[in-house]
Amino acid sequence: MLELRVLEAKKLLRQSDLRIYEIAGRIGFQNADYFVTQFEKLEQVSPTEYRNILIEKE
């Protein structure tokens, strides 16, 4: 379940300019800080770092 949420978050990070707390809410997290820790657990980078890496590759 967490993996699916993070997959959806990664899609939103790539395809939108939504803020991290907005993405957290859309994928079912009440607490944006908790979302960030869970994302980091799976991806080894924060959602912001993930987005910045994508921007650098463009």
PDB file of N, CA and C in Angstrom:
ATOM      1  N   MET A   1       0.829  -1.209   0.000  1.00  0.00           N
ATOM      2  CA  MET A   1       0.000   0.000   0.000  1.00  0.00           C
ATOM      3  C   MET A   1       0.869   1.268   0.000  1.00  0.00           C
ATOM      4  N   LEU A   2       1.878   1.293   0.865  1.00  0.00           N
ATOM      5  CA  LEU A   2       2.779   2.446   0.910  1.00  0.00           C
ATOM      6  C   LEU A   2       3.484   2.621  -0.427  1.00  0.00           C
ATOM      7  N   GLU A   3       3.902   1.504  -1.022  1.00  0.00           N
ATOM      8  CA  GLU A   3       4.591   1.574  -2.314  1.00  0.00           C
ATOM      9  C   GLU A   3       3.701   2.215  -3.379  1.00  0.00           C
ATOM     10  N   LEU A   4       2.420   1.867  -3.378  1.00  0.00           N
ATOM     11  CA  LEU A   4       1.492   2.449  -4.349  1.00  0.00           C
ATOM     12  C   LEU A   4       1.329   3.949  -4.129  1.00  0.00           C
ATOM     13  N   ARG A   5       1.248   4.337  -2.874  1.00  0.00           N
ATOM     14  CA  ARG A   5       1.122   5.766  -2.566  1.00  0.00           C
ATOM     15  C   ARG A   5       2.354   6.534  -3.023  1.00  0.00           C
ATOM     16  N   VAL A   6       3.520   5.953  -2.778  1.00  0.00           N
ATOM     17  CA  VAL A   6       4.761   6.628  -3.180  1.00  0.00           C
ATOM     18  C   VAL A   6       4.865   6.681  -4.705  1.00  0.00           C
ATOM     19  N   LEU A   7       4.446   5.624  -5.378  1.00  0.00           N
ATOM     20  CA  LEU A   7       4.422   5.642  -6.848  1.00  0.00           C
ATOM     21  C   LEU A   7       3.551   6.783  -7.363  1.00  0.00           C
ATOM     22  N   GLU A   8       2.384   6.928  -6.769  1.00  0.00           N
ATOM     23  CA  GLU A   8       1.475   8.013  -7.160  1.00  0.00           C
ATOM     24  C   GLU A   8       2.105   9.372  -6.845  1.00  0.00           C
ATOM     25  N   ALA A   9       2.768   9.473  -5.696  1.00  0.00           N
ATOM     26  CA  ALA A   9       3.440  10.725  -5.312  1.00  0.00           C
ATOM     27  C   ALA A   9       4.526  11.069  -6.322  1.00  0.00           C
ATOM     28  N   LYS A  10       5.292  10.078  -6.751  1.00  0.00           N
ATOM     29  CA  LYS A  10       6.351  10.320  -7.730  1.00  0.00           C
ATOM     30  C   LYS A  10       5.764  10.830  -9.042  1.00  0.00           C
ATOM     31  N   LYS A  11       4.620  10.269  -9.438  1.00  0.00           N
ATOM     32  CA  LYS A  11       3.949  10.732 -10.649  1.00  0.00           C
ATOM     33  C   LYS A  11       3.535  12.196 -10.496  1.00  0.00           C
ATOM     34  N   LEU A  12       2.946  12.525  -9.348  1.00  0.00           N
ATOM     35  CA  LEU A  12       2.520  13.905  -9.106  1.00  0.00           C
ATOM     36  C   LEU A  12       3.715  14.858  -9.033  1.00  0.00           C
ATOM     37  N   LEU A  13       4.815  14.392  -8.464  1.00  0.00           N
ATOM     38  CA  LEU A  13       6.017  15.223  -8.404  1.00  0.00           C
ATOM     39  C   LEU A  13       6.549  15.513  -9.807  1.00  0.00           C
ATOM     40  N   ARG A  14       6.445  14.528 -10.695  1.00  0.00           N
ATOM     41  CA  ARG A  14       6.903  14.705 -12.078  1.00  0.00           C
ATOM     42  C   ARG A  14       5.956  15.582 -12.886  1.00  0.00           C
ATOM     43  N   GLN A  15       4.663  15.401 -12.702  1.00  0.00           N
ATOM     44  CA  GLN A  15       3.680  15.960 -13.626  1.00  0.00           C
ATOM     45  C   GLN A  15       2.960  17.211 -13.123  1.00  0.00           C
ATOM     46  N   SER A  16       3.249  17.648 -11.917  1.00  0.00           N
ATOM     47  CA  SER A  16       2.531  18.801 -11.384  1.00  0.00           C
ATOM     48  C   SER A  16       3.463  19.723 -10.613  1.00  0.00           C
ATOM     49  N   ASP A  17       2.930  20.889 -10.305  1.00  0.00           N
ATOM     50  CA  ASP A  17       3.651  21.840  -9.456  1.00  0.00           C
ATOM     51  C   ASP A  17       3.047  21.887  -8.059  1.00  0.00           C
ATOM     52  N   LEU A  18       2.306  20.849  -7.706  1.00  0.00           N
ATOM     53  CA  LEU A  18       1.683  20.814  -6.380  1.00  0.00           C
ATOM     54  C   LEU A  18       2.746  20.865  -5.294  1.00  0.00           C
ATOM     55  N   ARG A  19       2.396  21.483  -4.190  1.00  0.00           N
ATOM     56  CA  ARG A  19       3.287  21.502  -3.036  1.00  0.00           C
ATOM     57  C   ARG A  19       3.276  20.132  -2.367  1.00  0.00           C
ATOM     58  N   ILE A  20       4.310  19.865  -1.588  1.00  0.00           N
ATOM     59  CA  ILE A  20       4.459  18.545  -0.965  1.00  0.00           C
ATOM     60  C   ILE A  20       3.243  18.211  -0.097  1.00  0.00           C
ATOM     61  N   TYR A  21       2.762  19.164   0.682  1.00  0.00           N
ATOM     62  CA  TYR A  21       1.611  18.871   1.546  1.00  0.00           C
ATOM     63  C   TYR A  21       0.359  18.587   0.722  1.00  0.00           C
ATOM     64  N   GLU A  22       0.257  19.202  -0.463  1.00  0.00           N
ATOM     65  CA  GLU A  22      -0.891  18.934  -1.334  1.00  0.00           C
ATOM     66  C   GLU A  22      -0.814  17.519  -1.905  1.00  0.00           C
ATOM     67  N   ILE A  23       0.379  17.114  -2.292  1.00  0.00           N
ATOM     68  CA  ILE A  23       0.567  15.746  -2.788  1.00  0.00           C
ATOM     69  C   ILE A  23       0.274  14.757  -1.673  1.00  0.00           C
ATOM     70  N   ALA A  24       0.774  15.030  -0.480  1.00  0.00           N
ATOM     71  CA  ALA A  24       0.521  14.146   0.670  1.00  0.00           C
ATOM     72  C   ALA A  24      -0.977  13.946   0.866  1.00  0.00           C
ATOM     73  N   GLY A  25      -1.727  15.037   0.847  1.00  0.00           N
ATOM     74  CA  GLY A  25      -3.174  14.948   1.018  1.00  0.00           C
ATOM     75  C   GLY A  25      -3.840  14.148  -0.084  1.00  0.00           C
ATOM     76  N   ARG A  26      -3.398  14.336  -1.311  1.00  0.00           N
ATOM     77  CA  ARG A  26      -4.017  13.639  -2.449  1.00  0.00           C
ATOM     78  C   ARG A  26      -3.805  12.143  -2.396  1.00  0.00           C
ATOM     79  N   ILE A  27      -2.695  11.707  -1.813  1.00  0.00           N
ATOM     80  CA  ILE A  27      -2.443  10.265  -1.767  1.00  0.00           C
ATOM     81  C   ILE A  27      -2.831   9.648  -0.421  1.00  0.00           C
ATOM     82  N   GLY A  28      -3.494  10.440   0.425  1.00  0.00           N
ATOM     83  CA  GLY A  28      -4.094   9.873   1.626  1.00  0.00           C
ATOM     84  C   GLY A  28      -3.351  10.069   2.929  1.00  0.00           C
ATOM     85  N   PHE A  29      -2.382  10.963   2.952  1.00  0.00           N
ATOM     86  CA  PHE A  29      -1.674  11.240   4.209  1.00  0.00           C
ATOM     87  C   PHE A  29      -2.252  12.498   4.839  1.00  0.00           C
ATOM     88  N   GLN A  30      -2.615  12.412   6.111  1.00  0.00           N
ATOM     89  CA  GLN A  30      -3.101  13.576   6.849  1.00  0.00           C
ATOM     90  C   GLN A  30      -1.938  14.501   7.215  1.00  0.00           C
ATOM     91  N   ASN A  31      -0.778  13.905   7.436  1.00  0.00           N
ATOM     92  CA  ASN A  31       0.380  14.626   7.958  1.00  0.00           C
ATOM     93  C   ASN A  31       1.484  14.639   6.903  1.00  0.00           C
ATOM     94  N   ALA A  32       1.832  15.819   6.403  1.00  0.00           N
ATOM     95  CA  ALA A  32       2.840  15.929   5.347  1.00  0.00           C
ATOM     96  C   ALA A  32       4.218  15.485   5.839  1.00  0.00           C
ATOM     97  N   ASP A  33       4.551  15.763   7.096  1.00  0.00           N
ATOM     98  CA  ASP A  33       5.856  15.346   7.625  1.00  0.00           C
ATOM     99  C   ASP A  33       5.974  13.826   7.637  1.00  0.00           C
ATOM    100  N   TYR A  34       4.898  13.154   8.000  1.00  0.00           N
ATOM    101  CA  TYR A  34       4.896  11.692   8.003  1.00  0.00           C
ATOM    102  C   TYR A  34       5.058  11.163   6.574  1.00  0.00           C
ATOM    103  N   PHE A  35       4.372  11.790   5.627  1.00  0.00           N
ATOM    104  CA  PHE A  35       4.527  11.415   4.221  1.00  0.00           C
ATOM    105  C   PHE A  35       5.990  11.524   3.802  1.00  0.00           C
ATOM    106  N   VAL A  36       6.629  12.632   4.149  1.00  0.00           N
ATOM    107  CA  VAL A  36       8.033  12.843   3.764  1.00  0.00           C
ATOM    108  C   VAL A  36       8.910  11.737   4.337  1.00  0.00           C
ATOM    109  N   THR A  37       8.713  11.369   5.599  1.00  0.00           N
ATOM    110  CA  THR A  37       9.554  10.320   6.193  1.00  0.00           C
ATOM    111  C   THR A  37       9.315   8.976   5.500  1.00  0.00           C
ATOM    112  N   GLN A  38       8.075   8.681   5.145  1.00  0.00           N
ATOM    113  CA  GLN A  38       7.772   7.424   4.465  1.00  0.00           C
ATOM    114  C   GLN A  38       8.348   7.416   3.047  1.00  0.00           C
ATOM    115  N   PHE A  39       8.261   8.536   2.360  1.00  0.00           N
ATOM    116  CA  PHE A  39       8.834   8.657   1.024  1.00  0.00           C
ATOM    117  C   PHE A  39      10.347   8.442   1.093  1.00  0.00           C
ATOM    118  N   GLU A  40      10.986   9.084   2.064  1.00  0.00           N
ATOM    119  CA  GLU A  40      12.441   8.947   2.218  1.00  0.00           C
ATOM    120  C   GLU A  40      12.843   7.514   2.522  1.00  0.00           C
ATOM    121  N   LYS A  41      12.017   6.818   3.297  1.00  0.00           N
ATOM    122  CA  LYS A  41      12.302   5.434   3.646  1.00  0.00           C
ATOM    123  C   LYS A  41      12.409   4.562   2.392  1.00  0.00           C
ATOM    124  N   LEU A  42      11.516   4.798   1.439  1.00  0.00           N
ATOM    125  CA  LEU A  42      11.504   3.991   0.214  1.00  0.00           C
ATOM    126  C   LEU A  42      12.464   4.494  -0.855  1.00  0.00           C
ATOM    127  N   GLU A  43      12.603   5.802  -0.976  1.00  0.00           N
ATOM    128  CA  GLU A  43      13.354   6.371  -2.103  1.00  0.00           C
ATOM    129  C   GLU A  43      14.753   6.880  -1.738  1.00  0.00           C
ATOM    130  N   GLN A  44      15.077   6.941  -0.455  1.00  0.00           N
ATOM    131  CA  GLN A  44      16.362   7.445   0.027  1.00  0.00           C
ATOM    132  C   GLN A  44      16.607   8.917  -0.303  1.00  0.00           C
ATOM    133  N   VAL A  45      15.590   9.612  -0.756  1.00  0.00           N
ATOM    134  CA  VAL A  45      15.644  11.074  -0.935  1.00  0.00           C
ATOM    135  C   VAL A  45      14.281  11.633  -0.536  1.00  0.00           C
ATOM    136  N   SER A  46      14.256  12.907  -0.186  1.00  0.00           N
ATOM    137  CA  SER A  46      12.980  13.535   0.155  1.00  0.00           C
ATOM    138  C   SER A  46      12.201  13.814  -1.133  1.00  0.00           C
ATOM    139  N   PRO A  47      10.902  14.050  -1.020  1.00  0.00           N
ATOM    140  CA  PRO A  47      10.133  14.404  -2.215  1.00  0.00           C
ATOM    141  C   PRO A  47      10.692  15.645  -2.927  1.00  0.00           C
ATOM    142  N   THR A  48      11.131  16.616  -2.167  1.00  0.00           N
ATOM    143  CA  THR A  48      11.705  17.831  -2.768  1.00  0.00           C
ATOM    144  C   THR A  48      12.983  17.502  -3.528  1.00  0.00           C
ATOM    145  N   GLU A  49      13.842  16.685  -2.913  1.00  0.00           N
ATOM    146  CA  GLU A  49      15.080  16.286  -3.591  1.00  0.00           C
ATOM    147  C   GLU A  49      14.770  15.489  -4.857  1.00  0.00           C
ATOM    148  N   TYR A  50      13.763  14.620  -4.769  1.00  0.00           N
ATOM    149  CA  TYR A  50      13.349  13.837  -5.931  1.00  0.00           C
ATOM    150  C   TYR A  50      12.940  14.764  -7.078  1.00  0.00           C
ATOM    151  N   ARG A  51      12.123  15.729  -6.771  1.00  0.00           N
ATOM    152  CA  ARG A  51      11.679  16.695  -7.799  1.00  0.00           C
ATOM    153  C   ARG A  51      12.867  17.478  -8.361  1.00  0.00           C
ATOM    154  N   ASN A  52      13.773  17.903  -7.497  1.00  0.00           N
ATOM    155  CA  ASN A  52      14.946  18.674  -7.954  1.00  0.00           C
ATOM    156  C   ASN A  52      15.840  17.845  -8.861  1.00  0.00           C
ATOM    157  N   ILE A  53      15.975  16.568  -8.573  1.00  0.00           N
ATOM    158  CA  ILE A  53      16.771  15.675  -9.426  1.00  0.00           C
ATOM    159  C   ILE A  53      16.130  15.602 -10.821  1.00  0.00           C
ATOM    160  N   LEU A  54      14.806  15.504 -10.854  1.00  0.00           N
ATOM    161  CA  LEU A  54      14.111  15.464 -12.140  1.00  0.00           C
ATOM    162  C   LEU A  54      14.326  16.744 -12.932  1.00  0.00           C
ATOM    163  N   ILE A  55      14.282  17.876 -12.253  1.00  0.00           N
ATOM    164  CA  ILE A  55      14.470  19.176 -12.907  1.00  0.00           C
ATOM    165  C   ILE A  55      15.871  19.276 -13.488  1.00  0.00           C
ATOM    166  N   GLU A  56      16.873  18.777 -12.743  1.00  0.00           N
ATOM    167  CA  GLU A  56      18.261  18.833 -13.204  1.00  0.00           C
ATOM    168  C   GLU A  56      18.458  17.996 -14.463  1.00  0.00           C
ATOM    169  N   LYS A  57      17.701  16.920 -14.604  1.00  0.00           N
ATOM    170  CA  LYS A  57      17.862  16.030 -15.753  1.00  0.00           C
ATOM    171  C   LYS A  57      17.248  16.600 -17.026  1.00  0.00           C
ATOM    172  N   GLU A  58      16.370  17.576 -16.868  1.00  0.00           N
ATOM    173  CA  GLU A  58      15.694  18.142 -18.055  1.00  0.00           C
ATOM    174  C   GLU A  58      16.622  19.011 -18.878  1.00  0.00           C
TER     175      GLU A  58
END
